[in-house]
N, C-alpha and C. Protein backbone atom coordinates (compact mmCIF):
# COMPACT_ATOMS: atom_id res chain seq x y z
N MET A 1 25.07 -51.16 -30.01
CA MET A 1 25.21 -49.83 -30.55
C MET A 1 23.94 -49.14 -30.47
N LYS A 2 22.78 -49.79 -30.67
CA LYS A 2 21.48 -49.16 -30.61
C LYS A 2 21.28 -48.68 -29.13
N LYS A 3 21.70 -49.46 -28.14
CA LYS A 3 21.51 -49.12 -26.81
C LYS A 3 22.29 -47.86 -26.45
N ALA A 4 23.50 -47.75 -27.05
CA ALA A 4 24.35 -46.52 -26.77
C ALA A 4 23.71 -45.34 -27.39
N LEU A 5 23.15 -45.47 -28.62
CA LEU A 5 22.53 -44.32 -29.20
C LEU A 5 21.32 -43.89 -28.41
N LEU A 6 20.49 -44.89 -27.94
CA LEU A 6 19.35 -44.53 -27.14
C LEU A 6 19.63 -43.87 -25.90
N LEU A 7 20.73 -44.37 -25.23
CA LEU A 7 21.18 -43.72 -23.98
C LEU A 7 21.62 -42.30 -24.25
N LEU A 8 22.34 -42.04 -25.37
CA LEU A 8 22.75 -40.71 -25.70
C LEU A 8 21.61 -39.77 -25.98
N PHE A 9 20.55 -40.32 -26.57
CA PHE A 9 19.33 -39.49 -26.88
C PHE A 9 18.65 -39.01 -25.48
N PHE A 10 18.59 -39.90 -24.55
CA PHE A 10 17.94 -39.52 -23.36
C PHE A 10 18.85 -38.57 -22.48
N LEU A 11 20.13 -38.65 -22.71
CA LEU A 11 21.01 -37.76 -22.00
C LEU A 11 20.95 -36.37 -22.64
N LEU A 12 20.75 -36.32 -23.96
CA LEU A 12 20.66 -34.99 -24.61
C LEU A 12 19.26 -34.27 -24.47
N LEU A 13 18.32 -35.12 -24.18
CA LEU A 13 16.99 -34.60 -24.07
C LEU A 13 16.82 -33.41 -23.09
N PRO A 14 17.36 -33.56 -21.84
CA PRO A 14 17.22 -32.52 -20.89
C PRO A 14 17.83 -31.20 -21.32
N ILE A 15 18.98 -31.33 -22.11
CA ILE A 15 19.71 -30.15 -22.59
C ILE A 15 18.80 -29.40 -23.63
N ALA A 16 18.19 -30.25 -24.52
CA ALA A 16 17.33 -29.64 -25.55
C ALA A 16 16.16 -28.94 -24.99
N ASN A 17 15.74 -29.38 -23.84
CA ASN A 17 14.41 -28.72 -23.21
C ASN A 17 14.87 -27.74 -22.14
N ALA A 18 16.14 -27.36 -22.06
CA ALA A 18 16.58 -26.47 -20.97
C ALA A 18 15.90 -25.12 -21.16
N GLN A 19 15.56 -24.54 -20.02
CA GLN A 19 14.89 -23.25 -19.95
C GLN A 19 15.74 -22.30 -19.11
N LEU A 20 15.95 -21.17 -19.54
CA LEU A 20 16.82 -20.21 -18.82
C LEU A 20 15.94 -19.26 -18.05
N ILE A 21 16.27 -19.12 -16.73
CA ILE A 21 15.69 -18.11 -15.91
C ILE A 21 16.72 -17.36 -15.22
N THR A 22 16.42 -16.12 -14.76
CA THR A 22 17.35 -15.32 -13.98
C THR A 22 16.86 -15.18 -12.58
N ILE A 23 17.61 -15.48 -11.56
CA ILE A 23 17.15 -15.24 -10.22
C ILE A 23 17.92 -14.00 -9.72
N GLY A 24 17.20 -12.94 -9.48
CA GLY A 24 17.77 -11.69 -8.95
C GLY A 24 17.07 -11.17 -7.81
N VAL A 25 17.75 -10.83 -6.76
CA VAL A 25 17.11 -10.33 -5.46
C VAL A 25 17.87 -9.07 -5.02
N GLN A 26 17.11 -8.14 -4.43
CA GLN A 26 17.75 -6.94 -3.79
C GLN A 26 16.75 -6.45 -2.71
N PRO A 27 17.33 -6.00 -1.62
CA PRO A 27 18.71 -6.04 -1.23
C PRO A 27 19.12 -7.52 -0.94
N SER A 28 20.39 -7.80 -1.02
CA SER A 28 20.95 -9.09 -0.74
C SER A 28 21.46 -9.17 0.75
N ARG A 29 21.53 -8.03 1.39
CA ARG A 29 22.00 -7.99 2.77
C ARG A 29 21.21 -6.85 3.45
N VAL A 30 20.70 -7.29 4.73
CA VAL A 30 19.90 -6.35 5.51
C VAL A 30 20.39 -6.45 6.95
N VAL A 31 20.48 -5.32 7.56
CA VAL A 31 20.90 -5.22 8.99
C VAL A 31 19.65 -4.69 9.74
N LEU A 32 19.15 -5.48 10.72
CA LEU A 32 18.07 -5.17 11.61
C LEU A 32 18.53 -4.95 12.96
N ASP A 33 18.28 -3.68 13.47
CA ASP A 33 18.67 -3.34 14.81
C ASP A 33 17.47 -3.14 15.67
N PHE A 34 17.07 -4.10 16.43
CA PHE A 34 15.94 -4.07 17.23
C PHE A 34 16.07 -3.30 18.54
N TYR A 35 17.23 -2.70 18.73
CA TYR A 35 17.39 -1.73 19.78
C TYR A 35 16.78 -0.35 19.30
N LYS A 36 16.63 -0.21 18.05
CA LYS A 36 16.13 1.04 17.52
C LYS A 36 14.67 0.95 17.01
N SER A 37 14.27 -0.15 16.64
CA SER A 37 12.90 -0.34 16.15
C SER A 37 12.37 -1.69 16.67
N SER A 38 11.07 -1.71 16.99
CA SER A 38 10.42 -2.89 17.45
C SER A 38 10.16 -3.90 16.37
N SER A 39 10.08 -3.45 15.12
CA SER A 39 9.88 -4.34 14.01
C SER A 39 10.31 -3.55 12.73
N TYR A 40 10.57 -4.28 11.73
CA TYR A 40 10.91 -3.70 10.36
C TYR A 40 10.09 -4.30 9.29
N LYS A 41 9.67 -3.38 8.47
CA LYS A 41 8.93 -3.84 7.25
C LYS A 41 9.83 -3.47 6.07
N ILE A 42 10.37 -4.51 5.45
CA ILE A 42 11.38 -4.27 4.38
C ILE A 42 10.77 -4.63 3.02
N GLU A 43 11.03 -3.87 2.03
CA GLU A 43 10.55 -4.11 0.69
C GLU A 43 11.68 -4.79 -0.10
N PHE A 44 11.41 -5.94 -0.68
CA PHE A 44 12.43 -6.65 -1.49
C PHE A 44 11.91 -6.63 -2.95
N GLY A 45 12.86 -6.69 -3.89
CA GLY A 45 12.60 -6.71 -5.26
C GLY A 45 13.17 -7.94 -5.87
N PHE A 46 12.36 -8.61 -6.74
CA PHE A 46 12.79 -9.81 -7.49
C PHE A 46 12.74 -9.57 -8.96
N SER A 47 13.74 -10.06 -9.65
CA SER A 47 13.82 -9.82 -11.10
C SER A 47 14.24 -11.11 -11.85
N ASN A 48 13.81 -11.07 -13.11
CA ASN A 48 14.04 -12.24 -14.01
C ASN A 48 14.54 -11.62 -15.37
N ASP A 49 15.58 -10.85 -15.26
CA ASP A 49 16.02 -9.98 -16.45
C ASP A 49 16.11 -10.80 -17.81
N ALA A 50 16.88 -11.82 -17.72
CA ALA A 50 17.29 -12.49 -19.01
C ALA A 50 16.51 -13.82 -19.12
N GLY A 51 15.51 -13.98 -18.32
CA GLY A 51 14.68 -15.23 -18.36
C GLY A 51 13.94 -15.44 -19.64
N GLU A 52 13.93 -16.69 -20.12
CA GLU A 52 13.14 -17.07 -21.30
C GLU A 52 11.73 -17.46 -20.94
N VAL A 53 11.51 -17.82 -19.61
CA VAL A 53 10.17 -18.19 -19.16
C VAL A 53 9.92 -17.49 -17.80
N ASP A 54 8.66 -17.44 -17.43
CA ASP A 54 8.36 -16.92 -16.09
C ASP A 54 8.90 -17.86 -15.01
N ALA A 55 9.26 -17.28 -13.89
CA ALA A 55 9.84 -17.97 -12.83
C ALA A 55 9.01 -17.97 -11.51
N ILE A 56 9.06 -19.02 -10.72
CA ILE A 56 8.45 -19.05 -9.43
C ILE A 56 9.57 -19.03 -8.38
N TYR A 57 9.52 -18.03 -7.56
CA TYR A 57 10.55 -17.87 -6.51
C TYR A 57 9.93 -18.46 -5.25
N THR A 58 10.64 -19.35 -4.51
CA THR A 58 10.18 -19.92 -3.27
C THR A 58 11.05 -19.37 -2.14
N LEU A 59 10.45 -18.70 -1.17
CA LEU A 59 11.18 -18.11 -0.02
C LEU A 59 11.19 -19.09 1.18
N GLU A 60 12.44 -19.35 1.62
CA GLU A 60 12.62 -20.30 2.73
C GLU A 60 13.64 -19.71 3.69
N PRO A 61 13.14 -19.33 4.93
CA PRO A 61 14.09 -18.83 5.92
C PRO A 61 14.80 -19.93 6.56
N ASP A 62 16.00 -19.78 7.02
CA ASP A 62 16.69 -20.83 7.75
C ASP A 62 16.16 -20.89 9.15
N ASP A 63 16.67 -21.83 9.96
CA ASP A 63 16.13 -22.13 11.27
C ASP A 63 16.22 -20.89 12.17
N CYS A 64 17.31 -20.14 12.17
CA CYS A 64 17.44 -19.02 13.08
C CYS A 64 16.63 -17.83 12.62
N LEU A 65 16.00 -17.85 11.50
CA LEU A 65 15.12 -16.70 11.01
C LEU A 65 13.70 -16.95 11.14
N LYS A 66 13.36 -18.26 11.34
CA LYS A 66 11.95 -18.64 11.30
C LYS A 66 11.08 -17.96 12.36
N ASP A 67 11.57 -17.61 13.54
CA ASP A 67 10.75 -16.96 14.55
C ASP A 67 10.88 -15.39 14.44
N ILE A 68 11.68 -14.89 13.43
CA ILE A 68 11.79 -13.49 13.29
C ILE A 68 11.06 -12.92 12.03
N ILE A 69 10.96 -13.73 10.91
CA ILE A 69 10.36 -13.29 9.78
C ILE A 69 8.84 -13.51 9.92
N LYS A 70 8.03 -12.49 9.50
CA LYS A 70 6.65 -12.54 9.62
C LYS A 70 5.96 -12.06 8.32
N ASP A 71 4.78 -12.60 8.03
CA ASP A 71 3.95 -12.04 6.99
C ASP A 71 4.72 -11.97 5.62
N TYR A 72 5.15 -13.10 5.22
CA TYR A 72 5.84 -13.19 3.90
C TYR A 72 5.24 -14.18 2.98
N PRO A 73 5.30 -13.96 1.69
CA PRO A 73 4.72 -15.01 0.73
C PRO A 73 5.65 -16.16 0.64
N LYS A 74 5.10 -17.31 0.57
CA LYS A 74 5.89 -18.57 0.38
C LYS A 74 6.42 -18.63 -1.07
N GLU A 75 5.63 -18.19 -2.03
CA GLU A 75 6.02 -18.20 -3.42
C GLU A 75 5.70 -16.94 -4.09
N VAL A 76 6.46 -16.48 -5.05
CA VAL A 76 6.36 -15.21 -5.77
C VAL A 76 6.52 -15.54 -7.28
N LEU A 77 5.53 -15.07 -8.06
CA LEU A 77 5.66 -15.16 -9.56
C LEU A 77 6.50 -14.03 -10.09
N VAL A 78 7.53 -14.34 -10.82
CA VAL A 78 8.40 -13.30 -11.40
C VAL A 78 8.44 -13.48 -12.86
N PRO A 79 7.73 -12.69 -13.65
CA PRO A 79 7.58 -12.83 -15.11
C PRO A 79 8.95 -12.71 -15.83
N LYS A 80 9.14 -13.31 -16.95
CA LYS A 80 10.37 -13.19 -17.76
C LYS A 80 10.48 -11.73 -18.19
N GLY A 81 11.72 -11.32 -18.21
CA GLY A 81 12.02 -9.91 -18.56
C GLY A 81 11.84 -8.86 -17.45
N THR A 82 11.46 -9.33 -16.29
CA THR A 82 11.30 -8.39 -15.21
C THR A 82 12.65 -7.72 -14.79
N ASN A 83 12.74 -6.45 -14.88
CA ASN A 83 14.04 -5.73 -14.66
C ASN A 83 14.10 -5.25 -13.25
N ARG A 84 15.25 -5.46 -12.61
CA ARG A 84 15.46 -5.06 -11.25
C ARG A 84 15.34 -3.64 -11.00
N ILE A 85 15.65 -2.81 -12.04
CA ILE A 85 15.61 -1.34 -11.94
C ILE A 85 14.28 -0.71 -12.23
N SER A 86 13.78 -1.14 -13.35
CA SER A 86 12.47 -0.43 -13.87
C SER A 86 11.21 -1.03 -13.37
N ASN A 87 11.21 -2.34 -13.26
CA ASN A 87 9.90 -2.99 -12.84
C ASN A 87 10.07 -4.33 -12.03
N PRO A 88 10.85 -4.30 -10.93
CA PRO A 88 10.93 -5.48 -10.14
C PRO A 88 9.62 -5.88 -9.43
N VAL A 89 9.52 -7.15 -9.17
CA VAL A 89 8.36 -7.66 -8.44
C VAL A 89 8.63 -7.30 -6.99
N ARG A 90 7.75 -6.47 -6.35
CA ARG A 90 8.00 -5.93 -5.04
C ARG A 90 7.22 -6.73 -3.98
N VAL A 91 7.97 -7.05 -2.94
CA VAL A 91 7.31 -7.87 -1.92
C VAL A 91 7.70 -7.31 -0.52
N TRP A 92 6.73 -7.10 0.34
CA TRP A 92 7.02 -6.51 1.68
C TRP A 92 7.07 -7.71 2.71
N ILE A 93 8.19 -7.65 3.54
CA ILE A 93 8.29 -8.70 4.50
C ILE A 93 8.55 -8.03 5.84
N THR A 94 7.90 -8.52 6.93
CA THR A 94 8.04 -7.96 8.25
C THR A 94 8.95 -8.83 9.11
N PHE A 95 9.71 -8.19 9.85
CA PHE A 95 10.67 -8.86 10.84
C PHE A 95 10.44 -8.35 12.24
N LYS A 96 10.37 -9.29 13.20
CA LYS A 96 10.24 -8.95 14.56
C LYS A 96 11.24 -9.76 15.42
N PRO A 97 11.70 -9.26 16.51
CA PRO A 97 12.71 -9.92 17.30
C PRO A 97 12.28 -11.22 18.01
N ASP A 98 13.23 -12.14 18.14
CA ASP A 98 12.92 -13.30 18.90
C ASP A 98 13.67 -13.33 20.26
N TYR A 99 14.45 -12.29 20.51
CA TYR A 99 15.20 -12.14 21.74
C TYR A 99 16.07 -13.32 22.04
N LYS A 100 16.88 -13.67 21.06
CA LYS A 100 17.83 -14.77 21.25
C LYS A 100 19.25 -14.36 20.90
N GLY A 101 19.45 -13.03 21.09
CA GLY A 101 20.81 -12.53 20.90
C GLY A 101 21.12 -12.14 19.38
N SER A 102 22.21 -11.44 19.29
CA SER A 102 22.62 -11.02 17.89
C SER A 102 23.10 -12.20 17.12
N LYS A 103 22.69 -12.24 15.79
CA LYS A 103 23.03 -13.43 15.01
C LYS A 103 22.94 -12.99 13.60
N THR A 104 23.42 -13.92 12.70
CA THR A 104 23.32 -13.72 11.28
C THR A 104 22.51 -14.88 10.69
N CYS A 105 21.48 -14.58 9.99
CA CYS A 105 20.58 -15.60 9.43
C CYS A 105 20.49 -15.42 7.87
N PHE A 106 19.81 -16.31 7.20
CA PHE A 106 19.64 -16.22 5.77
C PHE A 106 18.21 -16.56 5.38
N LEU A 107 17.81 -15.79 4.44
CA LEU A 107 16.55 -16.11 3.71
C LEU A 107 16.87 -16.55 2.38
N TYR A 108 16.62 -17.82 2.13
CA TYR A 108 17.02 -18.49 0.79
C TYR A 108 15.86 -18.29 -0.20
N VAL A 109 16.30 -17.92 -1.38
CA VAL A 109 15.31 -17.74 -2.52
C VAL A 109 15.67 -18.74 -3.55
N TYR A 110 14.73 -19.70 -3.72
CA TYR A 110 14.89 -20.75 -4.73
C TYR A 110 14.04 -20.40 -6.01
N ALA A 111 14.51 -20.80 -7.16
CA ALA A 111 13.78 -20.47 -8.41
C ALA A 111 13.61 -21.69 -9.18
N ARG A 112 12.42 -21.66 -9.99
CA ARG A 112 12.06 -22.72 -10.91
C ARG A 112 11.20 -22.14 -11.96
N PRO A 113 11.22 -22.69 -13.14
CA PRO A 113 10.30 -22.20 -14.20
C PRO A 113 8.87 -22.48 -13.83
N GLU A 114 7.95 -21.49 -14.16
CA GLU A 114 6.56 -21.67 -13.83
C GLU A 114 5.99 -22.96 -14.50
N GLY A 115 5.23 -23.65 -13.75
CA GLY A 115 4.59 -24.88 -14.32
C GLY A 115 5.44 -26.16 -14.17
N VAL A 116 6.64 -26.00 -13.56
CA VAL A 116 7.51 -27.12 -13.38
C VAL A 116 7.48 -27.49 -11.88
N SER A 117 7.14 -28.76 -11.64
CA SER A 117 7.06 -29.22 -10.27
C SER A 117 8.38 -29.74 -9.74
N GLU A 118 8.61 -29.61 -8.43
CA GLU A 118 9.77 -30.12 -7.81
C GLU A 118 9.62 -31.52 -7.44
N GLU A 119 8.42 -32.08 -7.63
CA GLU A 119 8.14 -33.50 -7.34
C GLU A 119 8.24 -34.41 -8.52
N GLY A 120 8.57 -35.58 -8.32
CA GLY A 120 8.68 -36.53 -9.47
C GLY A 120 9.89 -36.41 -10.30
N GLY A 121 10.98 -35.69 -9.82
CA GLY A 121 12.26 -35.60 -10.51
C GLY A 121 12.26 -34.72 -11.76
N ALA A 122 11.23 -33.88 -11.93
CA ALA A 122 11.16 -33.12 -13.19
C ALA A 122 12.19 -31.88 -13.17
N LEU A 123 12.53 -31.47 -11.86
CA LEU A 123 13.43 -30.41 -11.69
C LEU A 123 14.87 -30.91 -11.41
N ARG A 124 15.80 -30.75 -12.39
CA ARG A 124 17.11 -31.28 -12.23
C ARG A 124 18.03 -30.38 -11.42
N ILE A 125 17.77 -29.04 -11.57
CA ILE A 125 18.65 -28.06 -10.80
C ILE A 125 17.76 -27.15 -10.02
N ARG A 126 18.13 -26.87 -8.80
CA ARG A 126 17.33 -25.97 -7.95
C ARG A 126 18.25 -24.80 -7.58
N PRO A 127 18.35 -23.75 -8.43
CA PRO A 127 19.20 -22.67 -8.11
C PRO A 127 18.68 -21.83 -6.99
N SER A 128 19.58 -21.16 -6.27
CA SER A 128 19.10 -20.24 -5.15
C SER A 128 20.15 -19.25 -4.88
N VAL A 129 19.71 -18.21 -4.19
CA VAL A 129 20.63 -17.22 -3.61
C VAL A 129 20.23 -16.96 -2.12
N GLY A 130 21.06 -16.58 -1.34
CA GLY A 130 20.80 -16.36 0.04
C GLY A 130 20.80 -14.88 0.42
N ILE A 131 19.77 -14.35 0.99
CA ILE A 131 19.68 -12.95 1.46
C ILE A 131 20.24 -12.93 2.92
N LYS A 132 21.28 -12.29 3.14
CA LYS A 132 21.91 -12.27 4.45
C LYS A 132 21.16 -11.30 5.38
N ILE A 133 20.73 -11.74 6.50
CA ILE A 133 20.00 -10.97 7.51
C ILE A 133 20.72 -10.88 8.79
N GLU A 134 21.44 -9.69 9.05
CA GLU A 134 22.12 -9.56 10.24
C GLU A 134 21.21 -8.89 11.33
N ILE A 135 21.15 -9.50 12.53
CA ILE A 135 20.26 -9.15 13.52
C ILE A 135 20.97 -8.61 14.80
N ASN A 136 20.59 -7.48 15.20
CA ASN A 136 21.11 -6.93 16.43
C ASN A 136 20.01 -6.82 17.53
N GLN A 137 20.04 -7.63 18.60
CA GLN A 137 18.91 -7.70 19.49
C GLN A 137 19.44 -8.23 20.88
N PRO A 138 18.70 -8.01 21.94
CA PRO A 138 19.09 -8.54 23.19
C PRO A 138 18.82 -10.05 23.30
N GLU A 139 19.41 -10.70 24.28
CA GLU A 139 19.20 -12.11 24.43
C GLU A 139 17.96 -12.49 25.15
N SER A 140 17.33 -11.50 25.77
CA SER A 140 16.08 -11.73 26.43
C SER A 140 15.36 -10.41 26.71
N GLU A 141 14.05 -10.49 26.98
CA GLU A 141 13.28 -9.28 27.27
C GLU A 141 13.46 -9.01 28.76
N SER A 142 14.64 -8.50 29.10
CA SER A 142 14.98 -8.26 30.54
C SER A 142 14.39 -6.97 30.94
N ILE A 143 14.37 -6.72 32.25
CA ILE A 143 13.86 -5.47 32.79
C ILE A 143 14.65 -4.30 32.39
N SER A 144 16.02 -4.48 32.18
CA SER A 144 16.83 -3.33 31.83
C SER A 144 16.68 -2.98 30.40
N TYR A 145 15.92 -3.76 29.57
CA TYR A 145 15.79 -3.49 28.20
C TYR A 145 14.39 -2.88 27.96
N THR A 146 14.38 -1.68 27.45
CA THR A 146 13.17 -1.03 27.09
C THR A 146 12.89 -1.05 25.59
N PRO A 147 11.92 -1.88 25.15
CA PRO A 147 11.71 -1.99 23.75
C PRO A 147 11.26 -0.62 23.15
N PRO A 148 11.65 -0.48 21.82
CA PRO A 148 11.27 0.78 21.19
C PRO A 148 9.71 0.77 21.03
N SER A 149 9.25 1.95 20.70
CA SER A 149 7.82 2.08 20.44
C SER A 149 7.48 1.27 19.10
N SER A 150 6.29 0.69 19.05
CA SER A 150 5.88 -0.13 17.89
C SER A 150 5.64 0.74 16.64
N THR A 151 5.60 2.11 16.86
CA THR A 151 5.41 3.02 15.72
C THR A 151 6.70 3.29 15.01
N SER A 152 7.83 2.67 15.50
CA SER A 152 9.10 2.98 14.82
C SER A 152 9.42 2.01 13.74
N THR A 153 8.46 1.27 13.17
CA THR A 153 8.75 0.43 12.07
C THR A 153 9.23 1.15 10.94
N VAL A 154 10.32 0.59 10.23
CA VAL A 154 11.04 1.26 9.16
C VAL A 154 10.63 0.62 7.83
N SER A 155 10.10 1.39 6.92
CA SER A 155 9.86 0.92 5.50
C SER A 155 10.92 1.56 4.59
N LEU A 156 11.52 0.64 3.83
CA LEU A 156 12.61 1.02 2.99
C LEU A 156 12.31 0.90 1.54
N PRO A 157 12.55 2.04 0.72
CA PRO A 157 12.24 1.94 -0.76
C PRO A 157 13.25 1.05 -1.46
N LEU A 158 12.77 0.47 -2.53
CA LEU A 158 13.61 -0.38 -3.39
C LEU A 158 13.17 -0.28 -4.80
N PRO A 159 14.04 -0.27 -5.74
CA PRO A 159 15.50 -0.30 -5.60
C PRO A 159 16.06 1.08 -5.37
N ILE A 160 17.27 1.24 -4.88
CA ILE A 160 17.84 2.46 -4.69
C ILE A 160 18.05 3.35 -5.97
N GLN A 161 18.16 2.63 -7.13
CA GLN A 161 18.36 3.43 -8.33
C GLN A 161 17.17 4.22 -8.68
N GLU A 162 15.95 3.82 -8.24
CA GLU A 162 14.75 4.59 -8.61
C GLU A 162 14.79 5.92 -7.90
N GLU A 163 15.41 6.04 -6.65
CA GLU A 163 15.52 7.33 -5.99
C GLU A 163 16.33 8.31 -6.79
N GLU A 164 17.47 7.75 -7.47
CA GLU A 164 18.31 8.60 -8.25
C GLU A 164 17.53 9.08 -9.44
N ASN A 165 16.76 8.21 -10.12
CA ASN A 165 15.96 8.55 -11.29
C ASN A 165 14.88 9.59 -10.88
N TYR A 166 14.26 9.44 -9.73
CA TYR A 166 13.31 10.36 -9.20
C TYR A 166 13.97 11.72 -9.06
N ASP A 167 15.16 11.80 -8.48
CA ASP A 167 15.81 13.11 -8.37
C ASP A 167 16.07 13.78 -9.71
N LYS A 168 16.45 12.98 -10.75
CA LYS A 168 16.64 13.51 -12.00
C LYS A 168 15.37 14.07 -12.64
N GLU A 169 14.27 13.25 -12.42
CA GLU A 169 12.94 13.79 -12.95
C GLU A 169 12.51 15.13 -12.31
N GLN A 170 12.70 15.17 -11.09
CA GLN A 170 12.37 16.41 -10.31
C GLN A 170 13.21 17.59 -10.84
N THR A 171 14.48 17.36 -11.19
CA THR A 171 15.34 18.45 -11.71
C THR A 171 14.84 18.86 -13.06
N VAL A 172 14.38 17.90 -13.91
CA VAL A 172 13.90 18.26 -15.27
C VAL A 172 12.63 18.97 -15.21
N ASN A 173 11.68 18.49 -14.36
CA ASN A 173 10.31 19.12 -14.25
C ASN A 173 10.40 20.46 -13.62
N GLN A 174 11.36 20.76 -12.76
CA GLN A 174 11.44 21.97 -12.05
C GLN A 174 12.79 22.60 -12.23
N PRO A 175 13.09 23.15 -13.46
CA PRO A 175 14.42 23.62 -13.81
C PRO A 175 14.79 24.84 -12.97
N THR A 176 13.82 25.53 -12.39
CA THR A 176 14.11 26.76 -11.73
C THR A 176 14.63 26.42 -10.29
N GLN A 177 14.44 25.24 -9.83
CA GLN A 177 14.83 24.89 -8.47
C GLN A 177 16.22 24.31 -8.48
N THR A 178 17.01 24.54 -7.41
CA THR A 178 18.26 23.98 -7.31
C THR A 178 18.22 22.52 -6.96
N PRO A 179 18.86 21.66 -7.73
CA PRO A 179 18.82 20.14 -7.45
C PRO A 179 19.34 19.88 -6.01
N THR A 180 18.64 19.04 -5.32
CA THR A 180 19.00 18.65 -3.97
C THR A 180 20.37 17.93 -3.97
N PRO A 181 21.32 18.43 -3.25
CA PRO A 181 22.66 17.78 -3.21
C PRO A 181 22.47 16.37 -2.65
N LYS A 182 23.32 15.48 -3.18
CA LYS A 182 23.17 14.03 -2.81
C LYS A 182 23.52 13.85 -1.35
N THR A 183 24.39 14.69 -0.76
CA THR A 183 24.68 14.56 0.64
C THR A 183 23.56 14.74 1.59
N VAL A 184 22.56 15.44 1.17
CA VAL A 184 21.39 15.69 1.96
C VAL A 184 20.61 14.40 2.21
N GLN A 185 20.59 13.54 1.12
CA GLN A 185 19.85 12.33 1.26
C GLN A 185 20.55 11.24 2.00
N GLU A 186 21.83 11.29 2.11
CA GLU A 186 22.64 10.21 2.64
C GLU A 186 22.16 9.78 4.03
N PRO A 187 21.86 10.75 5.01
CA PRO A 187 21.44 10.31 6.34
C PRO A 187 20.17 9.49 6.31
N GLN A 188 19.32 9.58 5.23
CA GLN A 188 18.03 8.84 5.23
C GLN A 188 18.35 7.41 4.92
N LYS A 189 19.49 7.09 4.31
CA LYS A 189 19.79 5.67 4.02
C LYS A 189 20.38 5.04 5.22
N GLN A 190 19.51 4.48 6.05
CA GLN A 190 19.97 3.96 7.35
C GLN A 190 20.78 2.73 7.16
N LYS A 191 21.68 2.44 8.18
CA LYS A 191 22.54 1.20 8.07
C LYS A 191 21.71 -0.06 8.14
N GLN A 192 20.38 0.05 8.67
CA GLN A 192 19.63 -1.14 8.78
C GLN A 192 19.30 -1.76 7.48
N ALA A 193 19.55 -1.15 6.33
CA ALA A 193 19.17 -1.74 5.08
C ALA A 193 20.20 -1.29 3.99
N GLU A 194 21.42 -1.83 4.11
CA GLU A 194 22.43 -1.57 3.10
C GLU A 194 22.12 -2.36 1.81
N ILE A 195 22.06 -1.70 0.74
CA ILE A 195 21.60 -2.38 -0.55
C ILE A 195 22.80 -3.06 -1.20
N GLU A 196 22.65 -4.34 -1.43
CA GLU A 196 23.64 -5.16 -2.18
C GLU A 196 22.79 -5.98 -3.14
N VAL A 197 23.09 -5.93 -4.42
CA VAL A 197 22.26 -6.49 -5.42
C VAL A 197 22.92 -7.84 -5.86
N LYS A 198 22.11 -8.90 -6.04
CA LYS A 198 22.51 -10.15 -6.61
C LYS A 198 21.64 -10.50 -7.78
N GLY A 199 22.29 -10.99 -8.86
CA GLY A 199 21.45 -11.44 -10.05
C GLY A 199 22.27 -12.39 -10.81
N LYS A 200 21.81 -13.59 -11.03
CA LYS A 200 22.48 -14.66 -11.73
C LYS A 200 21.56 -15.37 -12.61
N SER A 201 22.04 -15.97 -13.77
CA SER A 201 21.29 -16.76 -14.60
C SER A 201 21.55 -18.24 -14.38
N PHE A 202 20.55 -19.07 -14.49
CA PHE A 202 20.75 -20.53 -14.34
C PHE A 202 19.94 -21.26 -15.39
N PRO A 203 20.54 -22.22 -16.06
CA PRO A 203 19.77 -23.10 -16.97
C PRO A 203 19.03 -24.15 -16.25
N MET A 204 17.82 -24.36 -16.65
CA MET A 204 17.04 -25.36 -15.95
C MET A 204 16.83 -26.60 -16.79
N TRP A 205 17.24 -27.69 -16.32
CA TRP A 205 17.12 -28.99 -17.12
C TRP A 205 15.87 -29.68 -16.76
N ILE A 206 14.94 -29.77 -17.67
CA ILE A 206 13.58 -30.32 -17.42
C ILE A 206 13.35 -31.48 -18.41
N VAL A 207 12.95 -32.69 -17.86
CA VAL A 207 12.69 -33.81 -18.65
C VAL A 207 11.20 -33.97 -18.95
């Protein structure tokens, strides 16, 4: 009986120490067209809206993305309460072609509470989301292919909701001016970066 109670105690211990973090990324889908730009500099936002503790996000590209993704942080600190709309943690990532044809890759974002190591069995759950990266490019640097100018790198603002808030602020601060119709801004939102938001909460079991 004592052994059964002792076993139950150790089984309940991880639940008692569980820490909640939120793993949120945006955009969750990006389209890169290297026929139009020689490289892309994309701004990503990370949030921990409902987190009880600060989180460490680890960025891991899959095999097909490793030769395309450049200049990115391996880990990002995302404080608890970080909101995806008002104050996301912003990270710039550069992408360049590897000339291996059009394909779909993923940039995986893993999360863990700050101060918790993945070594030694301390981390029971390793939650993650995958950012879908769709790539349009030639299969080789052939003579028939003329690469775009290197100055055509595209920087994309994030999150998209801030643009809407900015429009509203401009309207309030300048009431005599006619608000810019939304249709005027639509062409600026290029297909290369369609915004799709992901945000989920995961309990972390820590012994």
